Amino acid sequence: MFKSLHERSQVVMRLRQILVVFARHGFYSVVKRLSLHGQLSPLDRIRYARQHQEEDRHTAVRLRQAFEELGPSFIEFGQLLSTRHDLIPETFARELSRLFWHTSPVPWEEIKATLPDYYTAEDSPFAFIREAPLASASIAQIHRATLKSGGEVAIKIQRQGIAKVIASDVVVLRMLASMMERYLVESRSLNPVQMVEEFATAIDQELDFVREATNMARFAQLFADDPFVFTPKIHWDYTHPQILVMDYIDGIPLDDIDRLLAANVDLKKTAERLLNAFLKQIIEFGFYQADPHPGNFLVLADNRIAFIDFGLVGYVTEAERQALADLFVAAISEDFERVARIWLELAHAGPEVEWNSFLRGLKPILLKQLNQPRGRVQVGEMFMGMMNNGARHGLRLPSELFLVFRTIAEIEGLLRWLYIDFDVIDACKAFAEEQIAAARKPVSLARAAGAEVQQWAGLARRLPREVEDLVKTLTAGRFSIDFGRQGFDYLVGELDRSSNRIAVALVIAALIIGSSFLLLADKGPLMWGMTSIGLGVFAVGSMLGLALIWLVVSSGKY
């Protein structure tokens, strides 16, 4: 019990700290609309209410500064938000993307405390670990080391205590997201609760380095026969949930164009190989690296591309892979109606969607891109525009599919960075057509038919038992229908609290009025010329009244 109370007090303290930071950076009006300004001191409420009276063009900057001040969890959340061009304005996305740029490294002594004792003992497998980090991020940093066996490795070390900090912050973010949907009507189209859940899932993946190692091993297996893709070897004996050890790779990051040119790297060929690798991951394997930051890829001396970070990966079902391939071909062929039908299927649209309006919104988005020279077509922007059009019609893609389109958009930007006139659209079309043709081969059709038969057979086996369970539930009188009542429970709670306060106020008023009559009476023991019973009742009523006033003032709801 004490532990849970302690954890709850920590969450409350962190919530207050977060609210103070947001209020200080000009978001006091939002805090007040969330009915959370009561968590601030009266002095803070007065001070911050006078600051930043009007929203201005620096709002995005102030939000980014607030995230930076609140630490790793909010930096990571801001990085996620910066990629959601379908949900937040472009000015906010651009400003929050700056959170990727610089992360101050943690001192070696603090990082060293995370390492197991045997890493630094006399019989350690490491001959030397360099204290200066190769790279630093918000949740981990990488150090180069030499094994006593002679090999060079890279050690990815999680920052000490970061998992507990993030877990606590996720609790607060869930609370804030729920209150945003409840109080800020304009935020509901952004679906803040779903955004926080996406963040929680993504950060949970990134914090588990064993999972990242298994992702890397799976990727290496899938691309074992590809002559242009390389993945470093994992040292499983030294890898733990907070520590990942892999072979050190001496390569050139994809964003270092000067070094790539000096090494005579064919940038167009490199772009082609990178795109082909990602199309294979998404459409052929259904398993892909979902954080295509330029620093996560190295070009080796033999021109292979090394994939070195698998903290965040995505998965695509076989049906979604087929739909994506069809979508590519239909879009490039300007088959607008087929594009619309595929999109509605992917978004699980209901009959309420206005087909003609949706199609009219889709056409200019596609034509804007497809009528340009091939080297200028932006596939990622086209898909983002299609998502925005869907959002205007109440359609929201599953988060897994959004991650696919976001990854494609980021990869396209990286390809154009490598080779500005790279023809992304023809390469995508050719690969998609190959996959569609492969899916229509007799062997593939037979395999798909076999899978369908297995599903129907499973349904036939389950159906009698499920019908029997339903009948038992009905006969036992335990059948119920749960109607959606979003926000209703909160409204009932608020009414309960208000009615309780009114009832207490009436009791207090009755005590004070009753004590006034007793004070006028001459019976019973007297004190200062007034009956002591009346004085006592008056004192109790006054104290209760002051307590009620304090509760109202401290809640901020006045």
Protein backbone atom coordinates (compact mmCIF):
# COMPACT_ATOMS: atom_id res chain seq x y z
CA MET A 1 0.00 0.00 0.00
CA PHE A 2 2.80 2.39 0.93
CA LYS A 3 4.52 1.71 -2.36
CA SER A 4 1.39 2.54 -4.35
CA LEU A 5 0.84 5.73 -2.29
CA HIS A 6 4.47 6.69 -2.85
CA GLU A 7 4.15 6.11 -6.60
CA ARG A 8 0.91 8.11 -6.67
CA SER A 9 2.54 11.03 -4.85
CA GLN A 10 5.42 10.95 -7.35
CA VAL A 11 2.95 11.09 -10.26
CA VAL A 12 1.14 14.05 -8.66
CA MET A 13 4.44 15.87 -8.09
CA ARG A 14 5.50 15.21 -11.68
CA LEU A 15 2.10 16.42 -12.94
CA ARG A 16 2.52 19.69 -11.04
CA GLN A 17 6.04 20.10 -12.40
CA ILE A 18 4.78 19.55 -15.96
CA LEU A 19 1.92 22.01 -15.49
CA VAL A 20 4.28 24.66 -14.11
CA VAL A 21 6.61 24.26 -17.11
CA PHE A 22 3.74 24.49 -19.63
CA ALA A 23 2.28 27.51 -17.79
CA ARG A 24 5.67 29.21 -17.71
CA HIS A 25 6.05 28.71 -21.46
CA GLY A 26 2.75 30.41 -22.20
CA PHE A 27 0.20 27.59 -22.04
CA TYR A 28 -1.58 28.64 -18.83
CA SER A 29 -4.84 29.11 -20.76
CA VAL A 30 -4.68 25.44 -21.84
CA VAL A 31 -3.92 24.33 -18.27
CA LYS A 32 -6.93 26.32 -17.07
CA ARG A 33 -9.22 24.86 -19.76
CA LEU A 34 -8.16 21.41 -18.59
CA SER A 35 -9.33 22.41 -15.08
CA LEU A 36 -5.84 21.62 -13.77
CA HIS A 37 -4.85 25.15 -12.75
CA GLY A 38 -5.91 24.24 -9.21
CA GLN A 39 -2.72 22.14 -9.06
CA LEU A 40 -0.72 25.39 -9.23
CA SER A 41 -0.21 27.64 -6.26
CA PRO A 42 -2.39 30.78 -6.10
CA LEU A 43 0.72 32.90 -6.68
CA ASP A 44 1.63 30.90 -9.81
CA ARG A 45 -1.93 31.20 -11.11
CA ILE A 46 -1.84 34.98 -10.80
CA ARG A 47 1.65 35.26 -12.33
CA TYR A 48 1.09 32.97 -15.32
CA ALA A 49 -2.41 34.33 -16.04
CA ARG A 50 -0.82 37.70 -16.73
CA GLN A 51 1.84 36.25 -19.04
CA HIS A 52 1.33 35.32 -22.68
CA GLN A 53 -2.21 36.66 -22.85
CA GLU A 54 -2.39 36.02 -26.59
CA GLU A 55 -1.28 33.07 -28.71
CA ASP A 56 1.29 34.24 -31.26
CA ARG A 57 3.51 32.87 -33.99
CA HIS A 58 6.03 31.72 -31.36
CA THR A 59 3.66 29.13 -29.91
CA ALA A 60 5.44 26.24 -31.69
CA VAL A 61 8.81 27.47 -30.40
CA ARG A 62 7.50 27.69 -26.84
CA LEU A 63 6.05 24.17 -27.09
CA ARG A 64 9.41 22.82 -28.26
CA GLN A 65 11.19 24.64 -25.42
CA ALA A 66 8.74 23.20 -22.89
CA PHE A 67 9.36 19.67 -24.20
CA GLU A 68 13.13 20.21 -23.97
CA GLU A 69 12.84 21.39 -20.37
CA LEU A 70 10.63 18.43 -19.37
CA GLY A 71 13.27 15.89 -20.37
CA PRO A 72 13.65 12.64 -22.34
CA SER A 73 10.01 11.46 -22.30
CA PHE A 74 8.69 14.70 -23.73
CA ILE A 75 11.59 15.01 -26.18
CA GLU A 76 10.72 11.55 -27.52
CA PHE A 77 7.00 12.45 -27.59
CA GLY A 78 7.79 15.68 -29.42
CA GLN A 79 9.85 13.73 -31.95
CA LEU A 80 6.86 11.45 -32.55
CA LEU A 81 4.53 14.45 -32.94
CA SER A 82 6.91 16.06 -35.45
CA THR A 83 6.28 13.16 -37.84
CA ARG A 84 2.48 13.38 -37.61
CA HIS A 85 1.94 15.83 -40.45
CA ASP A 86 -1.60 14.51 -40.78
CA LEU A 87 -2.47 15.68 -37.28
CA ILE A 88 -0.51 18.83 -36.38
CA PRO A 89 0.16 22.04 -38.35
CA GLU A 90 3.31 22.15 -40.49
CA THR A 91 4.83 24.96 -38.37
CA PHE A 92 4.60 22.76 -35.27
CA ALA A 93 5.95 19.69 -37.11
CA ARG A 94 8.92 21.68 -38.39
CA GLU A 95 9.72 23.20 -35.00
CA LEU A 96 9.37 19.92 -33.08
CA SER A 97 11.66 18.18 -35.59
CA ARG A 98 14.47 20.25 -34.07
CA LEU A 99 14.26 17.93 -31.07
CA PHE A 100 16.14 15.37 -33.22
CA TRP A 101 19.14 17.60 -33.69
CA HIS A 102 21.08 17.84 -30.46
CA THR A 103 21.10 15.70 -27.34
CA SER A 104 23.72 16.41 -24.69
CA PRO A 105 25.73 13.29 -23.74
CA VAL A 106 25.58 11.93 -20.20
CA PRO A 107 28.90 11.96 -18.25
CA TRP A 108 30.76 8.64 -18.39
CA GLU A 109 30.57 8.10 -14.62
CA GLU A 110 26.77 8.22 -14.77
CA ILE A 111 26.63 5.85 -17.77
CA LYS A 112 29.18 3.53 -16.17
CA ALA A 113 26.81 2.95 -13.23
CA THR A 114 24.39 1.24 -15.65
CA LEU A 115 26.96 -1.37 -16.71
CA PRO A 116 27.11 -4.79 -14.99
CA ASP A 117 30.07 -5.20 -12.65
CA TYR A 118 31.79 -7.74 -14.90
CA TYR A 119 32.06 -5.13 -17.68
CA THR A 120 34.72 -3.24 -15.69
CA ALA A 121 36.15 -6.07 -13.53
CA GLU A 122 39.63 -7.50 -14.05
CA ASP A 123 38.23 -10.55 -15.86
CA SER A 124 36.02 -8.34 -18.06
CA PRO A 125 35.66 -9.45 -21.70
CA PHE A 126 36.47 -5.83 -22.68
CA ALA A 127 40.05 -4.69 -22.94
CA PHE A 128 39.02 -1.05 -23.20
CA ILE A 129 35.81 1.04 -23.32
CA ARG A 130 36.15 4.57 -24.68
CA GLU A 131 34.57 7.15 -22.40
CA ALA A 132 33.71 9.60 -25.19
CA PRO A 133 30.43 8.51 -26.84
CA LEU A 134 30.16 7.82 -30.55
CA ALA A 135 26.57 9.07 -30.50
CA SER A 136 24.06 10.31 -27.95
CA ALA A 137 20.25 10.19 -27.88
CA SER A 138 17.57 10.99 -25.31
CA ILE A 139 17.36 7.45 -23.91
CA ALA A 140 20.78 5.95 -24.65
CA GLN A 141 24.26 6.60 -25.96
CA ILE A 142 26.82 4.49 -27.81
CA HIS A 143 30.43 3.87 -26.78
CA ARG A 144 33.15 2.10 -28.75
CA ALA A 145 35.00 -0.75 -27.04
CA THR A 146 37.68 -3.35 -27.74
CA LEU A 147 37.22 -6.99 -26.78
CA LYS A 148 40.12 -8.90 -25.25
CA SER A 149 39.66 -11.31 -28.13
CA GLY A 150 40.63 -8.45 -30.44
CA GLY A 151 37.29 -7.45 -31.97
CA GLU A 152 35.90 -3.92 -32.04
CA VAL A 153 32.34 -3.49 -30.75
CA ALA A 154 29.79 -0.72 -30.16
CA ILE A 155 27.96 -0.72 -26.81
CA LYS A 156 24.55 0.93 -26.70
CA ILE A 157 23.92 1.88 -23.05
CA GLN A 158 20.58 3.03 -21.67
CA ARG A 159 20.64 6.11 -19.47
CA GLN A 160 20.36 5.27 -15.80
CA GLY A 161 16.80 5.35 -14.41
CA ILE A 162 15.32 6.46 -17.75
CA ALA A 163 12.76 3.62 -17.82
CA LYS A 164 11.19 4.68 -14.48
CA VAL A 165 11.11 8.33 -15.54
CA ILE A 166 9.39 7.48 -18.83
CA ALA A 167 6.90 5.10 -17.13
CA SER A 168 5.88 7.88 -14.72
CA ASP A 169 5.62 10.43 -17.54
CA VAL A 170 3.47 8.08 -19.65
CA VAL A 171 0.97 7.91 -16.76
CA VAL A 172 0.81 11.71 -16.71
CA LEU A 173 0.56 11.92 -20.51
CA ARG A 174 -2.37 9.49 -20.50
CA MET A 175 -4.09 11.62 -17.87
CA LEU A 176 -3.49 14.85 -19.83
CA ALA A 177 -4.62 13.26 -23.12
CA SER A 178 -7.84 12.04 -21.52
CA MET A 179 -8.54 15.50 -20.11
CA MET A 180 -7.77 17.14 -23.45
CA GLU A 181 -10.41 15.00 -25.16
CA ARG A 182 -12.84 15.84 -22.35
CA TYR A 183 -12.34 19.61 -22.17
CA LEU A 184 -10.76 20.74 -25.47
CA VAL A 185 -13.31 19.98 -28.18
CA GLU A 186 -10.89 21.02 -30.95
CA SER A 187 -8.37 18.40 -29.81
CA ARG A 188 -10.70 15.44 -30.39
CA SER A 189 -9.93 15.29 -34.12
CA LEU A 190 -6.26 14.79 -33.15
CA ASN A 191 -7.19 11.78 -31.00
CA PRO A 192 -4.66 12.60 -28.22
CA VAL A 193 -5.38 9.39 -26.31
CA GLN A 194 -4.45 7.28 -29.34
CA MET A 195 -1.34 9.41 -29.92
CA VAL A 196 -0.16 8.79 -26.35
CA GLU A 197 -0.84 5.06 -26.72
CA GLU A 198 1.21 5.01 -29.95
CA PHE A 199 4.01 6.78 -28.09
CA ALA A 200 3.79 4.34 -25.17
CA THR A 201 4.05 1.39 -27.56
CA ALA A 202 6.96 2.91 -29.49
CA ILE A 203 8.94 3.92 -26.41
CA ASP A 204 8.36 0.50 -24.87
CA GLN A 205 9.99 -1.03 -27.96
CA GLU A 206 12.92 1.37 -27.83
CA LEU A 207 13.62 0.74 -24.14
CA ASP A 208 13.97 -3.05 -24.58
CA PHE A 209 17.39 -3.63 -26.10
CA VAL A 210 16.93 -7.40 -26.19
CA ARG A 211 13.92 -6.84 -28.43
CA GLU A 212 16.03 -4.55 -30.61
CA ALA A 213 18.69 -7.27 -30.85
CA THR A 214 16.08 -9.83 -31.95
CA ASN A 215 14.78 -7.34 -34.53
CA MET A 216 18.31 -6.94 -35.86
CA ALA A 217 18.82 -10.71 -35.98
CA ARG A 218 15.56 -11.19 -37.88
CA PHE A 219 16.48 -8.46 -40.35
CA ALA A 220 19.88 -10.09 -40.92
CA GLN A 221 18.16 -13.41 -41.64
CA LEU A 222 15.73 -11.85 -44.13
CA PHE A 223 18.54 -10.09 -46.02
CA ALA A 224 21.13 -12.85 -45.71
CA ASP A 225 21.23 -13.29 -49.51
CA ASP A 226 21.14 -9.60 -50.41
CA PRO A 227 24.60 -8.48 -51.62
CA PHE A 228 23.91 -4.80 -50.94
CA VAL A 229 22.55 -4.86 -47.36
CA PHE A 230 24.53 -5.55 -44.19
CA THR A 231 23.62 -5.88 -40.50
CA PRO A 232 26.19 -5.99 -37.68
CA LYS A 233 26.57 -9.13 -35.60
CA ILE A 234 24.99 -9.15 -32.12
CA HIS A 235 27.11 -10.29 -29.15
CA TRP A 236 24.37 -12.09 -27.23
CA ASP A 237 26.53 -13.00 -24.23
CA TYR A 238 26.96 -9.32 -23.34
CA THR A 239 23.51 -8.03 -24.37
CA HIS A 240 20.89 -7.20 -21.71
CA PRO A 241 17.55 -5.27 -21.66
CA GLN A 242 19.49 -2.02 -21.01
CA ILE A 243 22.68 -2.85 -22.94
CA LEU A 244 23.17 -3.86 -26.57
CA VAL A 245 26.56 -4.99 -27.88
CA MET A 246 27.18 -5.34 -31.61
CA ASP A 247 30.15 -5.35 -33.96
CA TYR A 248 31.59 -1.89 -34.54
CA ILE A 249 30.95 -0.81 -38.14
CA ASP A 250 33.34 1.60 -39.81
CA GLY A 251 31.20 3.35 -42.39
CA ILE A 252 30.02 6.73 -43.62
CA PRO A 253 26.60 8.04 -42.46
CA LEU A 254 24.21 8.71 -45.33
CA ASP A 255 23.88 12.39 -44.44
CA ASP A 256 27.67 13.01 -44.78
CA ILE A 257 27.64 13.77 -48.52
CA ASP A 258 31.17 15.22 -48.58
CA ARG A 259 32.71 12.01 -47.22
CA LEU A 260 30.56 9.88 -49.53
CA LEU A 261 31.74 11.85 -52.58
CA ALA A 262 35.37 11.74 -51.40
CA ALA A 263 35.05 7.93 -51.16
CA ASN A 264 33.70 7.82 -54.75
CA VAL A 265 30.37 6.36 -53.63
CA ASP A 266 27.77 6.18 -56.42
CA LEU A 267 24.98 8.16 -54.74
CA LYS A 268 22.31 7.19 -57.31
CA LYS A 269 23.08 3.48 -56.94
CA THR A 270 23.07 3.84 -53.15
CA ALA A 271 19.65 5.51 -53.29
CA GLU A 272 18.31 2.72 -55.52
CA ARG A 273 19.59 0.01 -53.16
CA LEU A 274 18.19 1.76 -50.09
CA LEU A 275 14.73 2.17 -51.66
CA ASN A 276 14.73 -1.45 -52.86
CA ALA A 277 15.65 -2.63 -49.35
CA PHE A 278 12.75 -0.69 -47.82
CA LEU A 279 10.23 -1.81 -50.43
CA LYS A 280 11.30 -5.40 -49.73
CA GLN A 281 10.84 -4.87 -46.01
CA ILE A 282 7.39 -3.30 -46.30
CA ILE A 283 5.73 -5.09 -49.21
CA GLU A 284 7.55 -8.42 -49.35
CA PHE A 285 8.47 -9.19 -45.72
CA GLY A 286 5.95 -7.08 -43.76
CA PHE A 287 8.68 -6.23 -41.24
CA TYR A 288 10.62 -2.98 -41.56
CA GLN A 289 12.92 -0.57 -39.80
CA ALA A 290 10.59 2.31 -38.89
CA ASP A 291 13.11 4.99 -37.88
CA PRO A 292 14.93 5.89 -41.13
CA HIS A 293 17.12 8.62 -39.65
CA PRO A 294 20.23 9.22 -41.83
CA GLY A 295 22.51 8.34 -38.91
CA ASN A 296 20.96 4.86 -38.75
CA PHE A 297 22.55 3.85 -42.08
CA LEU A 298 26.23 3.55 -42.95
CA VAL A 299 27.84 3.04 -46.36
CA LEU A 300 30.67 0.51 -46.10
CA ALA A 301 33.90 0.38 -48.09
CA ASP A 302 32.40 -2.26 -50.42
CA ASN A 303 29.33 0.00 -51.06
CA ARG A 304 26.96 -2.13 -48.97
CA ILE A 305 24.45 -0.28 -46.77
CA ALA A 306 24.58 -1.17 -43.08
CA PHE A 307 21.35 -0.91 -41.04
CA ILE A 308 22.41 -0.28 -37.44
CA ASP A 309 19.34 0.77 -35.41
CA PHE A 310 16.23 -1.34 -34.88
CA GLY A 311 14.75 0.25 -31.75
CA LEU A 312 11.53 0.95 -33.65
CA VAL A 313 10.16 -1.50 -36.22
CA GLY A 314 6.80 -1.85 -37.94
CA TYR A 315 4.71 -4.81 -39.04
CA VAL A 316 2.32 -5.13 -42.00
CA THR A 317 -0.14 -7.99 -42.46
CA GLU A 318 -0.27 -9.95 -45.72
CA ALA A 319 -3.62 -8.37 -46.66
CA GLU A 320 -2.22 -4.88 -45.98
CA ARG A 321 0.91 -5.63 -48.04
CA GLN A 322 -1.25 -6.65 -51.00
CA ALA A 323 -3.44 -3.55 -50.56
CA LEU A 324 -0.35 -1.28 -50.44
CA ALA A 325 1.01 -2.77 -53.65
CA ASP A 326 -2.39 -2.28 -55.34
CA LEU A 327 -2.53 1.28 -53.99
CA PHE A 328 0.87 2.16 -55.49
CA VAL A 329 -0.10 0.86 -58.93
CA ALA A 330 -3.60 2.42 -58.88
CA ALA A 331 -2.24 5.82 -57.80
CA ILE A 332 0.49 5.91 -60.43
CA SER A 333 -1.98 4.71 -63.10
CA GLU A 334 -4.36 7.56 -62.11
CA ASP A 335 -7.12 5.08 -61.33
CA PHE A 336 -8.77 7.42 -58.82
CA GLU A 337 -11.80 5.30 -58.01
CA ARG A 338 -9.66 2.25 -57.28
CA VAL A 339 -7.40 4.37 -55.04
CA ALA A 340 -10.47 5.60 -53.17
CA ARG A 341 -11.87 2.06 -52.73
CA ILE A 342 -8.53 0.71 -51.45
CA TRP A 343 -8.17 3.65 -49.06
CA LEU A 344 -11.65 3.18 -47.64
CA GLU A 345 -10.91 -0.52 -47.11
CA LEU A 346 -7.64 0.23 -45.32
CA ALA A 347 -9.40 2.79 -43.08
CA HIS A 348 -12.29 0.35 -42.36
CA ALA A 349 -14.73 3.06 -43.48
CA GLY A 350 -18.43 2.76 -42.74
CA PRO A 351 -21.38 3.55 -45.04
CA GLU A 352 -21.63 7.11 -43.68
CA VAL A 353 -18.61 8.30 -45.71
CA GLU A 354 -19.58 10.63 -48.58
CA TRP A 355 -18.09 8.77 -51.57
CA ASN A 356 -18.30 11.62 -54.10
CA SER A 357 -16.90 14.20 -51.69
CA PHE A 358 -14.05 11.87 -50.69
CA LEU A 359 -13.20 11.16 -54.35
CA ARG A 360 -13.31 14.87 -55.26
CA GLY A 361 -10.84 15.63 -52.48
CA LEU A 362 -8.56 12.81 -53.61
CA LYS A 363 -8.17 13.74 -57.29
CA PRO A 364 -6.32 17.08 -56.96
CA ILE A 365 -3.89 15.52 -54.45
CA LEU A 366 -2.91 12.80 -56.93
CA LEU A 367 -2.92 15.03 -60.01
CA LYS A 368 -0.68 17.62 -58.32
CA GLN A 369 2.07 15.02 -58.01
CA LEU A 370 1.52 12.86 -61.10
CA ASN A 371 1.50 15.81 -63.56
CA GLN A 372 4.99 16.90 -62.51
CA PRO A 373 8.29 15.61 -63.99
CA ARG A 374 9.17 12.24 -62.44
CA GLY A 375 12.13 13.63 -60.53
CA ARG A 376 9.88 16.14 -58.75
CA VAL A 377 7.08 13.75 -57.73
CA GLN A 378 6.90 13.34 -53.94
CA VAL A 379 5.27 10.03 -53.09
CA GLY A 380 5.40 10.70 -49.36
CA GLU A 381 3.68 14.08 -49.74
CA MET A 382 1.04 12.42 -51.94
CA PHE A 383 0.24 9.83 -49.27
CA MET A 384 0.24 12.47 -46.51
CA GLY A 385 -2.23 14.51 -48.59
CA MET A 386 -4.42 11.42 -48.98
CA MET A 387 -4.36 10.95 -45.19
CA ASN A 388 -5.37 14.57 -44.65
CA ASN A 389 -8.23 14.13 -47.11
CA GLY A 390 -9.33 11.02 -45.22
CA ALA A 391 -9.14 12.87 -41.90
CA ARG A 392 -11.46 15.58 -43.27
CA HIS A 393 -14.00 12.84 -43.93
CA GLY A 394 -13.64 11.28 -40.50
CA LEU A 395 -11.32 8.48 -41.68
CA ARG A 396 -8.34 7.51 -39.56
CA LEU A 397 -5.89 4.88 -40.74
CA PRO A 398 -4.68 2.29 -38.23
CA SER A 399 -1.48 3.52 -36.57
CA GLU A 400 0.50 0.66 -38.16
CA LEU A 401 -0.37 1.91 -41.66
CA PHE A 402 0.34 5.50 -40.75
CA LEU A 403 3.80 4.36 -39.66
CA VAL A 404 4.30 2.82 -43.11
CA PHE A 405 3.44 6.07 -44.92
CA ARG A 406 5.52 8.13 -42.52
CA THR A 407 8.50 5.84 -43.11
CA ILE A 408 8.04 6.10 -46.90
CA ALA A 409 7.95 9.91 -46.66
CA GLU A 410 11.14 10.00 -44.57
CA ILE A 411 12.93 7.55 -46.85
CA GLU A 412 11.97 9.63 -49.88
CA GLY A 413 13.51 12.71 -48.28
CA LEU A 414 16.71 10.76 -47.63
CA LEU A 415 16.79 9.47 -51.24
CA ARG A 416 16.46 13.01 -52.61
CA TRP A 417 19.21 14.14 -50.23
CA LEU A 418 21.48 11.52 -51.78
CA TYR A 419 20.43 12.18 -55.39
CA ILE A 420 18.16 15.15 -55.99
CA ASP A 421 16.62 13.89 -59.27
CA PHE A 422 15.99 10.35 -58.04
CA ASP A 423 12.86 8.85 -59.66
CA VAL A 424 11.04 7.36 -56.68
CA ILE A 425 7.70 6.78 -58.36
CA ASP A 426 8.86 4.50 -61.21
CA ALA A 427 10.93 2.39 -58.82
CA CYS A 428 7.92 1.97 -56.50
CA LYS A 429 5.63 1.12 -59.41
CA ALA A 430 8.00 -1.51 -60.81
CA PHE A 431 8.44 -3.19 -57.43
CA ALA A 432 4.68 -3.14 -56.70
CA GLU A 433 3.85 -4.64 -60.10
CA GLU A 434 6.36 -7.45 -59.46
CA GLN A 435 4.69 -8.22 -56.13
CA ILE A 436 1.20 -8.19 -57.68
CA ALA A 437 2.35 -10.53 -60.46
CA ALA A 438 3.97 -12.85 -57.91
CA ALA A 439 0.74 -12.92 -55.87
CA ARG A 440 -1.18 -14.08 -58.97
CA LYS A 441 1.05 -17.07 -59.66
CA PRO A 442 -0.64 -20.47 -59.18
CA VAL A 443 1.57 -21.34 -56.22
CA SER A 444 0.69 -18.07 -54.42
CA LEU A 445 -3.00 -18.43 -55.21
CA ALA A 446 -2.99 -22.01 -53.90
CA ARG A 447 -1.27 -20.89 -50.71
CA ALA A 448 -3.79 -18.08 -50.22
CA ALA A 449 -6.69 -20.49 -50.85
CA GLY A 450 -5.24 -22.91 -48.31
CA ALA A 451 -5.04 -20.14 -45.71
CA GLU A 452 -8.68 -19.20 -46.38
CA VAL A 453 -9.77 -22.84 -46.01
CA GLN A 454 -7.93 -23.06 -42.69
CA GLN A 455 -9.68 -19.91 -41.44
CA TRP A 456 -13.11 -21.23 -42.40
CA ALA A 457 -12.30 -24.58 -40.83
CA GLY A 458 -11.31 -22.84 -37.61
CA LEU A 459 -14.54 -20.84 -37.65
CA ALA A 460 -16.54 -24.04 -38.18
CA ARG A 461 -14.84 -25.62 -35.15
CA ARG A 462 -15.39 -22.56 -32.92
CA LEU A 463 -18.94 -21.70 -33.96
CA PRO A 464 -20.86 -24.43 -32.00
CA ARG A 465 -18.98 -23.64 -28.80
CA GLU A 466 -19.47 -19.88 -29.17
CA VAL A 467 -23.21 -20.32 -29.86
CA GLU A 468 -23.49 -22.56 -26.79
CA ASP A 469 -21.68 -19.93 -24.66
CA LEU A 470 -24.06 -17.23 -25.93
CA VAL A 471 -27.15 -19.34 -25.12
CA LYS A 472 -25.81 -20.04 -21.61
CA THR A 473 -25.22 -16.33 -21.06
CA LEU A 474 -28.75 -15.50 -22.20
CA THR A 475 -30.42 -18.19 -20.06
CA ALA A 476 -28.40 -17.18 -17.01
CA GLY A 477 -29.60 -13.59 -17.38
CA ARG A 478 -26.04 -12.24 -17.66
CA PHE A 479 -26.38 -10.79 -21.16
CA SER A 480 -25.78 -7.05 -21.29
CA ILE A 481 -25.26 -4.33 -23.87
CA ASP A 482 -22.65 -1.67 -23.18
CA PHE A 483 -23.65 1.69 -24.69
CA GLY A 484 -20.88 4.18 -25.35
CA ARG A 485 -20.98 7.12 -22.94
CA GLN A 486 -17.80 9.03 -23.50
CA GLY A 487 -17.45 11.78 -20.90
CA PHE A 488 -20.71 10.80 -19.15
CA ASP A 489 -19.02 9.23 -16.11
CA TYR A 490 -17.01 12.39 -15.59
CA LEU A 491 -20.16 14.55 -15.81
CA VAL A 492 -21.87 12.34 -13.21
CA GLY A 493 -18.83 12.66 -10.95
CA GLU A 494 -18.83 16.45 -11.26
CA LEU A 495 -22.55 16.59 -10.45
CA ASP A 496 -21.98 14.34 -7.41
CA ARG A 497 -19.19 16.61 -6.14
CA SER A 498 -21.26 19.75 -6.71
CA SER A 499 -24.33 18.31 -4.97
CA ASN A 500 -22.21 17.13 -2.02
CA ARG A 501 -20.76 20.62 -1.59
CA ILE A 502 -24.22 22.18 -1.75
CA ALA A 503 -25.47 19.72 0.89
CA VAL A 504 -22.49 20.48 3.16
CA ALA A 505 -23.03 24.22 2.65
CA LEU A 506 -26.69 23.88 3.68
CA VAL A 507 -25.71 21.95 6.82
CA ILE A 508 -23.12 24.62 7.67
CA ALA A 509 -25.69 27.39 7.09
CA ALA A 510 -28.16 25.56 9.35
CA LEU A 511 -25.53 25.24 12.10
CA ILE A 512 -24.62 28.91 11.93
CA ILE A 513 -28.29 30.05 11.90
CA GLY A 514 -29.17 27.62 14.68
CA SER A 515 -26.24 28.79 16.79
CA SER A 516 -27.45 32.39 16.38
CA PHE A 517 -30.75 31.48 18.07
CA LEU A 518 -28.90 29.61 20.82
CA LEU A 519 -26.66 32.63 21.44
CA LEU A 520 -29.75 34.70 22.18
CA ALA A 521 -31.00 32.19 24.72
CA ASP A 522 -30.23 32.74 28.44
CA LYS A 523 -30.28 29.07 29.43
CA GLY A 524 -27.28 26.87 30.16
CA PRO A 525 -23.70 27.85 31.11
CA LEU A 526 -22.59 31.24 29.87
CA MET A 527 -19.28 32.44 28.38
CA TRP A 528 -18.60 36.13 27.69
CA GLY A 529 -22.25 36.74 28.36
CA MET A 530 -23.41 34.20 25.73
CA THR A 531 -24.48 30.58 26.02
CA SER A 532 -21.48 28.24 25.61
CA ILE A 533 -23.52 25.69 23.58
CA GLY A 534 -24.35 28.38 21.02
CA LEU A 535 -20.71 29.49 20.89
CA GLY A 536 -19.58 25.90 20.33
CA VAL A 537 -22.07 25.27 17.52
CA PHE A 538 -21.14 28.62 15.93
CA ALA A 539 -17.41 27.76 16.09
CA VAL A 540 -17.97 24.34 14.48
CA GLY A 541 -20.11 25.87 11.71
CA SER A 542 -17.53 28.61 11.08
CA MET A 543 -14.64 26.15 10.85
CA LEU A 544 -16.58 23.92 8.46
CA GLY A 545 -17.47 26.96 6.35
CA LEU A 546 -13.83 28.07 6.17
CA ALA A 547 -12.79 24.52 5.24
CA LEU A 548 -15.36 24.45 2.43
CA ILE A 549 -14.16 27.82 1.13
CA TRP A 550 -10.56 26.54 1.17
CA LEU A 551 -11.53 23.41 -0.79
CA VAL A 552 -13.28 25.49 -3.45
CA VAL A 553 -10.36 27.95 -3.76
CA SER A 554 -7.68 25.24 -3.84
CA SER A 555 -9.56 23.32 -6.55
CA GLY A 556 -9.26 26.30 -8.88
CA LYS A 557 -12.93 25.98 -9.88
CA TYR A 558 -14.20 29.40 -8.96
